[in-house]
Amino acid sequence: MKGQTNKQIASEQRPRRLRNDSTDAERHLWRHLRNRQLQGCKFRRQHPYGGFILDFACLERQLVIELDGGQHADHAAYDRERSRRLEQAGFVVLRFWNNEVFENVEGVVEVILDALRRLEPIPSQPSP
């Protein structure tokens, strides 16, 4: 960590803390996304990008998956702006409610698979 500022160190620790404190819905979906189970694509969880922490991201297909709990109903405008900015950066953003993951994880996975099939792989790029 030599040469890093406290802010840089803190910003690197936050995603790790979020991964360790994942919600039940995130852990449930992660079981289906990890280890390149979907179309051989690598997903990252709690991935920092452009000032945001993305719940799940497949950088090679530029796909972001966000899970929303009840608290997101109060932050709909923020979520729309966040999605808009990610889409401007070239990402496709899929949002699911936590209860969708619990009640119909197979359907959620199918929507993700459909998106992956439509998206072409891109050469890997560094995070901003």
N, C-alpha and C. Protein backbone atom coordinates (compact mmCIF):
# COMPACT_ATOMS: atom_id res chain seq x y z
N MET A 1 0.83 -1.18 0.00
CA MET A 1 0.00 0.00 0.00
C MET A 1 0.87 1.25 0.00
N LYS A 2 2.14 1.05 -0.23
CA LYS A 2 3.07 2.16 -0.25
C LYS A 2 2.73 3.11 -1.38
N GLY A 3 2.68 4.39 -1.07
CA GLY A 3 2.41 5.40 -2.08
C GLY A 3 0.93 5.68 -2.29
N GLN A 4 0.05 4.98 -1.59
CA GLN A 4 -1.38 5.21 -1.73
C GLN A 4 -1.86 6.17 -0.65
N THR A 5 -2.84 6.97 -1.01
CA THR A 5 -3.44 7.87 -0.03
C THR A 5 -4.45 7.11 0.80
N ASN A 6 -4.83 7.69 1.94
CA ASN A 6 -5.85 7.06 2.78
C ASN A 6 -7.16 6.92 2.03
N LYS A 7 -7.49 7.90 1.17
CA LYS A 7 -8.73 7.84 0.40
C LYS A 7 -8.70 6.65 -0.58
N GLN A 8 -7.55 6.43 -1.23
CA GLN A 8 -7.44 5.30 -2.16
C GLN A 8 -7.57 3.97 -1.43
N ILE A 9 -6.94 3.88 -0.27
CA ILE A 9 -7.01 2.66 0.53
C ILE A 9 -8.45 2.40 0.97
N ALA A 10 -9.13 3.46 1.44
CA ALA A 10 -10.52 3.32 1.88
C ALA A 10 -11.42 2.91 0.72
N SER A 11 -11.19 3.48 -0.47
CA SER A 11 -12.05 3.15 -1.61
C SER A 11 -11.83 1.71 -2.08
N GLU A 12 -10.65 1.15 -1.83
CA GLU A 12 -10.40 -0.24 -2.17
C GLU A 12 -10.98 -1.18 -1.12
N GLN A 13 -11.06 -0.73 0.11
CA GLN A 13 -11.57 -1.58 1.19
C GLN A 13 -13.09 -1.66 1.19
N ARG A 14 -13.77 -0.61 0.69
CA ARG A 14 -15.23 -0.60 0.71
C ARG A 14 -15.84 -1.77 -0.08
N PRO A 15 -15.41 -2.00 -1.34
CA PRO A 15 -15.97 -3.16 -2.07
C PRO A 15 -15.72 -4.48 -1.34
N ARG A 16 -14.54 -4.62 -0.73
CA ARG A 16 -14.25 -5.85 0.00
C ARG A 16 -15.21 -6.00 1.18
N ARG A 17 -15.45 -4.90 1.88
CA ARG A 17 -16.37 -4.92 3.02
C ARG A 17 -17.79 -5.28 2.55
N LEU A 18 -18.20 -4.71 1.40
CA LEU A 18 -19.52 -5.01 0.86
C LEU A 18 -19.63 -6.47 0.43
N ARG A 19 -18.55 -7.02 -0.14
CA ARG A 19 -18.58 -8.44 -0.52
C ARG A 19 -18.74 -9.32 0.72
N ASN A 20 -18.05 -8.95 1.78
CA ASN A 20 -18.13 -9.73 3.01
C ASN A 20 -19.48 -9.59 3.70
N ASP A 21 -20.16 -8.46 3.46
CA ASP A 21 -21.46 -8.20 4.08
C ASP A 21 -22.60 -8.28 3.07
N SER A 22 -22.48 -9.17 2.11
CA SER A 22 -23.50 -9.29 1.06
C SER A 22 -24.87 -9.56 1.65
N THR A 23 -25.89 -9.08 0.94
CA THR A 23 -27.26 -9.38 1.34
C THR A 23 -27.57 -10.84 1.00
N ASP A 24 -28.63 -11.34 1.58
CA ASP A 24 -29.05 -12.72 1.28
C ASP A 24 -29.34 -12.87 -0.22
N ALA A 25 -29.98 -11.88 -0.81
CA ALA A 25 -30.30 -11.95 -2.24
C ALA A 25 -29.03 -11.97 -3.08
N GLU A 26 -28.04 -11.15 -2.71
CA GLU A 26 -26.77 -11.15 -3.45
C GLU A 26 -26.07 -12.50 -3.36
N ARG A 27 -26.05 -13.06 -2.17
CA ARG A 27 -25.42 -14.38 -2.01
C ARG A 27 -26.16 -15.45 -2.82
N HIS A 28 -27.48 -15.36 -2.83
CA HIS A 28 -28.29 -16.35 -3.57
C HIS A 28 -28.01 -16.26 -5.07
N LEU A 29 -27.99 -15.05 -5.62
CA LEU A 29 -27.72 -14.90 -7.06
C LEU A 29 -26.27 -15.22 -7.39
N TRP A 30 -25.34 -14.87 -6.51
CA TRP A 30 -23.93 -15.12 -6.75
C TRP A 30 -23.65 -16.60 -6.98
N ARG A 31 -24.42 -17.46 -6.34
CA ARG A 31 -24.24 -18.91 -6.54
C ARG A 31 -24.43 -19.29 -8.01
N HIS A 32 -25.21 -18.50 -8.75
CA HIS A 32 -25.48 -18.80 -10.15
C HIS A 32 -24.53 -18.05 -11.10
N LEU A 33 -23.89 -17.00 -10.62
CA LEU A 33 -23.04 -16.17 -11.47
C LEU A 33 -21.56 -16.53 -11.37
N ARG A 34 -21.17 -17.07 -10.24
CA ARG A 34 -19.74 -17.29 -9.99
C ARG A 34 -19.18 -18.43 -10.84
N ASN A 35 -17.87 -18.46 -10.94
CA ASN A 35 -17.14 -19.53 -11.63
C ASN A 35 -17.55 -19.70 -13.10
N ARG A 36 -17.87 -18.58 -13.75
CA ARG A 36 -18.16 -18.59 -15.20
C ARG A 36 -19.26 -19.58 -15.58
N GLN A 37 -20.29 -19.68 -14.75
CA GLN A 37 -21.38 -20.62 -15.00
C GLN A 37 -22.30 -20.19 -16.14
N LEU A 38 -22.38 -18.89 -16.42
CA LEU A 38 -23.29 -18.39 -17.45
C LEU A 38 -22.50 -17.98 -18.68
N GLN A 39 -22.66 -18.73 -19.74
CA GLN A 39 -22.02 -18.44 -21.01
C GLN A 39 -20.49 -18.31 -20.88
N GLY A 40 -19.92 -18.87 -19.84
CA GLY A 40 -18.48 -18.79 -19.63
C GLY A 40 -18.00 -17.39 -19.25
N CYS A 41 -18.91 -16.53 -18.84
CA CYS A 41 -18.58 -15.13 -18.54
C CYS A 41 -18.17 -14.96 -17.08
N LYS A 42 -17.18 -14.13 -16.89
CA LYS A 42 -16.70 -13.82 -15.54
C LYS A 42 -17.49 -12.65 -14.98
N PHE A 43 -18.08 -12.86 -13.83
CA PHE A 43 -18.77 -11.80 -13.12
C PHE A 43 -17.95 -11.39 -11.91
N ARG A 44 -17.98 -10.11 -11.63
CA ARG A 44 -17.36 -9.57 -10.43
C ARG A 44 -18.49 -9.08 -9.54
N ARG A 45 -18.31 -9.18 -8.24
CA ARG A 45 -19.34 -8.64 -7.35
C ARG A 45 -18.75 -7.47 -6.57
N GLN A 46 -19.63 -6.51 -6.30
CA GLN A 46 -19.25 -5.28 -5.61
C GLN A 46 -18.03 -4.65 -6.29
N HIS A 47 -18.17 -4.47 -7.60
CA HIS A 47 -17.07 -3.97 -8.42
C HIS A 47 -17.13 -2.44 -8.52
N PRO A 48 -16.04 -1.75 -8.16
CA PRO A 48 -16.03 -0.29 -8.28
C PRO A 48 -15.91 0.13 -9.75
N TYR A 49 -16.73 1.09 -10.13
CA TYR A 49 -16.65 1.62 -11.50
C TYR A 49 -17.22 3.04 -11.51
N GLY A 50 -16.42 3.99 -11.95
CA GLY A 50 -16.89 5.35 -12.15
C GLY A 50 -17.54 5.99 -10.94
N GLY A 51 -17.03 5.73 -9.76
CA GLY A 51 -17.60 6.30 -8.56
C GLY A 51 -18.76 5.50 -7.97
N PHE A 52 -19.12 4.40 -8.61
CA PHE A 52 -20.19 3.54 -8.13
C PHE A 52 -19.60 2.21 -7.68
N ILE A 53 -20.35 1.50 -6.87
CA ILE A 53 -20.04 0.11 -6.55
C ILE A 53 -21.17 -0.71 -7.18
N LEU A 54 -20.83 -1.51 -8.18
CA LEU A 54 -21.82 -2.30 -8.91
C LEU A 54 -22.04 -3.62 -8.19
N ASP A 55 -23.29 -4.02 -8.03
CA ASP A 55 -23.57 -5.29 -7.36
C ASP A 55 -22.86 -6.43 -8.08
N PHE A 56 -23.10 -6.56 -9.38
CA PHE A 56 -22.45 -7.58 -10.20
C PHE A 56 -22.13 -6.96 -11.55
N ALA A 57 -20.97 -7.29 -12.09
CA ALA A 57 -20.59 -6.76 -13.40
C ALA A 57 -19.85 -7.82 -14.19
N CYS A 58 -20.22 -7.93 -15.45
CA CYS A 58 -19.48 -8.73 -16.41
C CYS A 58 -18.85 -7.72 -17.37
N LEU A 59 -17.58 -7.45 -17.17
CA LEU A 59 -16.92 -6.40 -17.94
C LEU A 59 -16.75 -6.79 -19.40
N GLU A 60 -16.52 -8.06 -19.68
CA GLU A 60 -16.30 -8.48 -21.06
C GLU A 60 -17.55 -8.33 -21.93
N ARG A 61 -18.73 -8.34 -21.32
CA ARG A 61 -19.97 -8.13 -22.07
C ARG A 61 -20.63 -6.80 -21.71
N GLN A 62 -20.01 -6.04 -20.83
CA GLN A 62 -20.51 -4.75 -20.36
C GLN A 62 -21.95 -4.87 -19.83
N LEU A 63 -22.13 -5.83 -18.94
CA LEU A 63 -23.42 -6.08 -18.32
C LEU A 63 -23.31 -5.83 -16.82
N VAL A 64 -24.24 -5.04 -16.31
CA VAL A 64 -24.31 -4.75 -14.87
C VAL A 64 -25.63 -5.30 -14.35
N ILE A 65 -25.58 -5.95 -13.22
CA ILE A 65 -26.78 -6.46 -12.57
C ILE A 65 -26.88 -5.81 -11.20
N GLU A 66 -28.00 -5.18 -10.96
CA GLU A 66 -28.24 -4.51 -9.68
C GLU A 66 -29.44 -5.16 -9.00
N LEU A 67 -29.29 -5.43 -7.72
CA LEU A 67 -30.39 -5.97 -6.93
C LEU A 67 -30.92 -4.87 -6.02
N ASP A 68 -32.22 -4.72 -6.03
CA ASP A 68 -32.85 -3.65 -5.26
C ASP A 68 -33.74 -4.23 -4.18
N GLY A 69 -33.53 -3.76 -2.97
CA GLY A 69 -34.38 -4.12 -1.84
C GLY A 69 -35.40 -3.03 -1.62
N GLY A 70 -36.14 -3.14 -0.56
CA GLY A 70 -37.19 -2.17 -0.26
C GLY A 70 -36.69 -0.74 -0.14
N GLN A 71 -35.44 -0.55 0.32
CA GLN A 71 -34.90 0.80 0.47
C GLN A 71 -34.76 1.52 -0.87
N HIS A 72 -34.69 0.78 -1.96
CA HIS A 72 -34.50 1.39 -3.27
C HIS A 72 -35.76 2.11 -3.76
N ALA A 73 -36.91 1.77 -3.21
CA ALA A 73 -38.14 2.48 -3.58
C ALA A 73 -38.02 3.96 -3.23
N ASP A 74 -37.28 4.27 -2.17
CA ASP A 74 -37.08 5.66 -1.76
C ASP A 74 -35.99 6.35 -2.56
N HIS A 75 -35.22 5.60 -3.35
CA HIS A 75 -34.09 6.15 -4.09
C HIS A 75 -34.24 5.93 -5.59
N ALA A 76 -35.45 5.90 -6.08
CA ALA A 76 -35.70 5.59 -7.49
C ALA A 76 -35.03 6.59 -8.41
N ALA A 77 -35.07 7.87 -8.08
CA ALA A 77 -34.44 8.89 -8.94
C ALA A 77 -32.94 8.68 -9.01
N TYR A 78 -32.32 8.39 -7.88
CA TYR A 78 -30.88 8.12 -7.87
C TYR A 78 -30.56 6.88 -8.71
N ASP A 79 -31.34 5.82 -8.56
CA ASP A 79 -31.11 4.59 -9.32
C ASP A 79 -31.26 4.83 -10.82
N ARG A 80 -32.25 5.63 -11.22
CA ARG A 80 -32.42 5.94 -12.64
C ARG A 80 -31.21 6.71 -13.18
N GLU A 81 -30.74 7.68 -12.42
CA GLU A 81 -29.57 8.46 -12.84
C GLU A 81 -28.33 7.59 -12.91
N ARG A 82 -28.16 6.73 -11.96
CA ARG A 82 -27.03 5.80 -11.94
C ARG A 82 -27.08 4.89 -13.17
N SER A 83 -28.24 4.33 -13.46
CA SER A 83 -28.39 3.47 -14.64
C SER A 83 -28.12 4.25 -15.91
N ARG A 84 -28.62 5.48 -15.98
CA ARG A 84 -28.40 6.31 -17.17
C ARG A 84 -26.91 6.55 -17.40
N ARG A 85 -26.18 6.86 -16.34
CA ARG A 85 -24.74 7.11 -16.47
C ARG A 85 -23.98 5.85 -16.87
N LEU A 86 -24.38 4.71 -16.33
CA LEU A 86 -23.73 3.45 -16.72
C LEU A 86 -24.03 3.11 -18.17
N GLU A 87 -25.27 3.35 -18.60
CA GLU A 87 -25.64 3.10 -20.00
C GLU A 87 -24.88 4.03 -20.94
N GLN A 88 -24.67 5.28 -20.53
CA GLN A 88 -23.87 6.20 -21.34
C GLN A 88 -22.43 5.71 -21.49
N ALA A 89 -21.95 4.97 -20.48
CA ALA A 89 -20.60 4.41 -20.53
C ALA A 89 -20.55 3.11 -21.33
N GLY A 90 -21.72 2.68 -21.86
CA GLY A 90 -21.76 1.50 -22.71
C GLY A 90 -22.26 0.23 -22.04
N PHE A 91 -22.69 0.32 -20.79
CA PHE A 91 -23.17 -0.86 -20.09
C PHE A 91 -24.66 -1.08 -20.34
N VAL A 92 -25.07 -2.33 -20.28
CA VAL A 92 -26.48 -2.70 -20.19
C VAL A 92 -26.72 -2.96 -18.71
N VAL A 93 -27.76 -2.36 -18.17
CA VAL A 93 -28.06 -2.50 -16.74
C VAL A 93 -29.35 -3.28 -16.57
N LEU A 94 -29.27 -4.36 -15.83
CA LEU A 94 -30.45 -5.15 -15.46
C LEU A 94 -30.69 -4.95 -13.97
N ARG A 95 -31.94 -4.64 -13.62
CA ARG A 95 -32.30 -4.46 -12.22
C ARG A 95 -33.35 -5.50 -11.84
N PHE A 96 -33.16 -6.08 -10.68
CA PHE A 96 -34.11 -7.05 -10.16
C PHE A 96 -34.39 -6.70 -8.70
N TRP A 97 -35.61 -6.94 -8.29
CA TRP A 97 -35.95 -6.81 -6.87
C TRP A 97 -35.44 -8.04 -6.14
N ASN A 98 -35.05 -7.85 -4.89
CA ASN A 98 -34.58 -8.98 -4.09
C ASN A 98 -35.58 -10.13 -4.07
N ASN A 99 -36.88 -9.79 -3.93
CA ASN A 99 -37.87 -10.86 -3.86
C ASN A 99 -37.93 -11.67 -5.16
N GLU A 100 -37.60 -11.05 -6.31
CA GLU A 100 -37.54 -11.81 -7.57
C GLU A 100 -36.47 -12.88 -7.50
N VAL A 101 -35.33 -12.53 -6.91
CA VAL A 101 -34.23 -13.48 -6.79
C VAL A 101 -34.64 -14.66 -5.91
N PHE A 102 -35.34 -14.38 -4.83
CA PHE A 102 -35.76 -15.46 -3.93
C PHE A 102 -36.90 -16.30 -4.50
N GLU A 103 -37.85 -15.65 -5.16
CA GLU A 103 -39.05 -16.35 -5.62
C GLU A 103 -38.90 -16.98 -7.00
N ASN A 104 -37.97 -16.47 -7.81
CA ASN A 104 -37.85 -16.96 -9.18
C ASN A 104 -36.42 -16.80 -9.69
N VAL A 105 -35.45 -17.37 -9.00
CA VAL A 105 -34.06 -17.20 -9.41
C VAL A 105 -33.82 -17.78 -10.80
N GLU A 106 -34.54 -18.83 -11.17
CA GLU A 106 -34.37 -19.41 -12.51
C GLU A 106 -34.78 -18.41 -13.58
N GLY A 107 -35.87 -17.69 -13.35
CA GLY A 107 -36.31 -16.66 -14.29
C GLY A 107 -35.32 -15.51 -14.38
N VAL A 108 -34.77 -15.10 -13.24
CA VAL A 108 -33.76 -14.04 -13.22
C VAL A 108 -32.54 -14.49 -14.02
N VAL A 109 -32.09 -15.71 -13.78
CA VAL A 109 -30.92 -16.24 -14.50
C VAL A 109 -31.21 -16.30 -15.99
N GLU A 110 -32.41 -16.65 -16.39
CA GLU A 110 -32.76 -16.72 -17.81
C GLU A 110 -32.69 -15.33 -18.46
N VAL A 111 -33.16 -14.30 -17.76
CA VAL A 111 -33.07 -12.93 -18.28
C VAL A 111 -31.60 -12.53 -18.45
N ILE A 112 -30.77 -12.89 -17.49
CA ILE A 112 -29.34 -12.59 -17.57
C ILE A 112 -28.71 -13.34 -18.74
N LEU A 113 -29.06 -14.61 -18.91
CA LEU A 113 -28.54 -15.40 -20.04
C LEU A 113 -28.94 -14.79 -21.37
N ASP A 114 -30.20 -14.36 -21.49
CA ASP A 114 -30.65 -13.72 -22.73
C ASP A 114 -29.83 -12.47 -23.03
N ALA A 115 -29.56 -11.67 -22.00
CA ALA A 115 -28.75 -10.46 -22.20
C ALA A 115 -27.33 -10.84 -22.63
N LEU A 116 -26.74 -11.84 -22.00
CA LEU A 116 -25.38 -12.25 -22.36
C LEU A 116 -25.31 -12.75 -23.80
N ARG A 117 -26.35 -13.45 -24.24
CA ARG A 117 -26.37 -13.96 -25.61
C ARG A 117 -26.42 -12.82 -26.63
N ARG A 118 -27.11 -11.72 -26.28
CA ARG A 118 -27.23 -10.58 -27.19
C ARG A 118 -25.99 -9.70 -27.21
N LEU A 119 -25.22 -9.72 -26.13
CA LEU A 119 -24.07 -8.83 -26.02
C LEU A 119 -22.81 -9.50 -26.55
N GLU A 120 -22.09 -8.77 -27.36
CA GLU A 120 -20.83 -9.29 -27.91
C GLU A 120 -19.70 -9.07 -26.91
N PRO A 121 -18.78 -10.02 -26.82
CA PRO A 121 -17.63 -9.79 -25.94
C PRO A 121 -16.81 -8.60 -26.44
N ILE A 122 -16.26 -7.85 -25.53
CA ILE A 122 -15.39 -6.73 -25.89
C ILE A 122 -14.01 -7.00 -25.29
N PRO A 123 -12.97 -6.42 -25.89
CA PRO A 123 -11.63 -6.59 -25.29
C PRO A 123 -11.63 -6.00 -23.89
N SER A 124 -10.89 -6.60 -22.99
CA SER A 124 -10.86 -6.13 -21.62
C SER A 124 -10.29 -4.72 -21.55
N GLN A 125 -10.89 -3.92 -20.68
CA GLN A 125 -10.48 -2.54 -20.48
C GLN A 125 -10.28 -2.30 -19.00
N PRO A 126 -9.35 -1.42 -18.67
CA PRO A 126 -9.17 -1.11 -17.25
C PRO A 126 -10.34 -0.31 -16.72
N SER A 127 -10.62 -0.44 -15.44
CA SER A 127 -11.67 0.36 -14.80
C SER A 127 -11.22 1.80 -14.70
N PRO A 128 -12.16 2.74 -14.83
CA PRO A 128 -11.77 4.16 -14.71
C PRO A 128 -11.43 4.52 -13.28
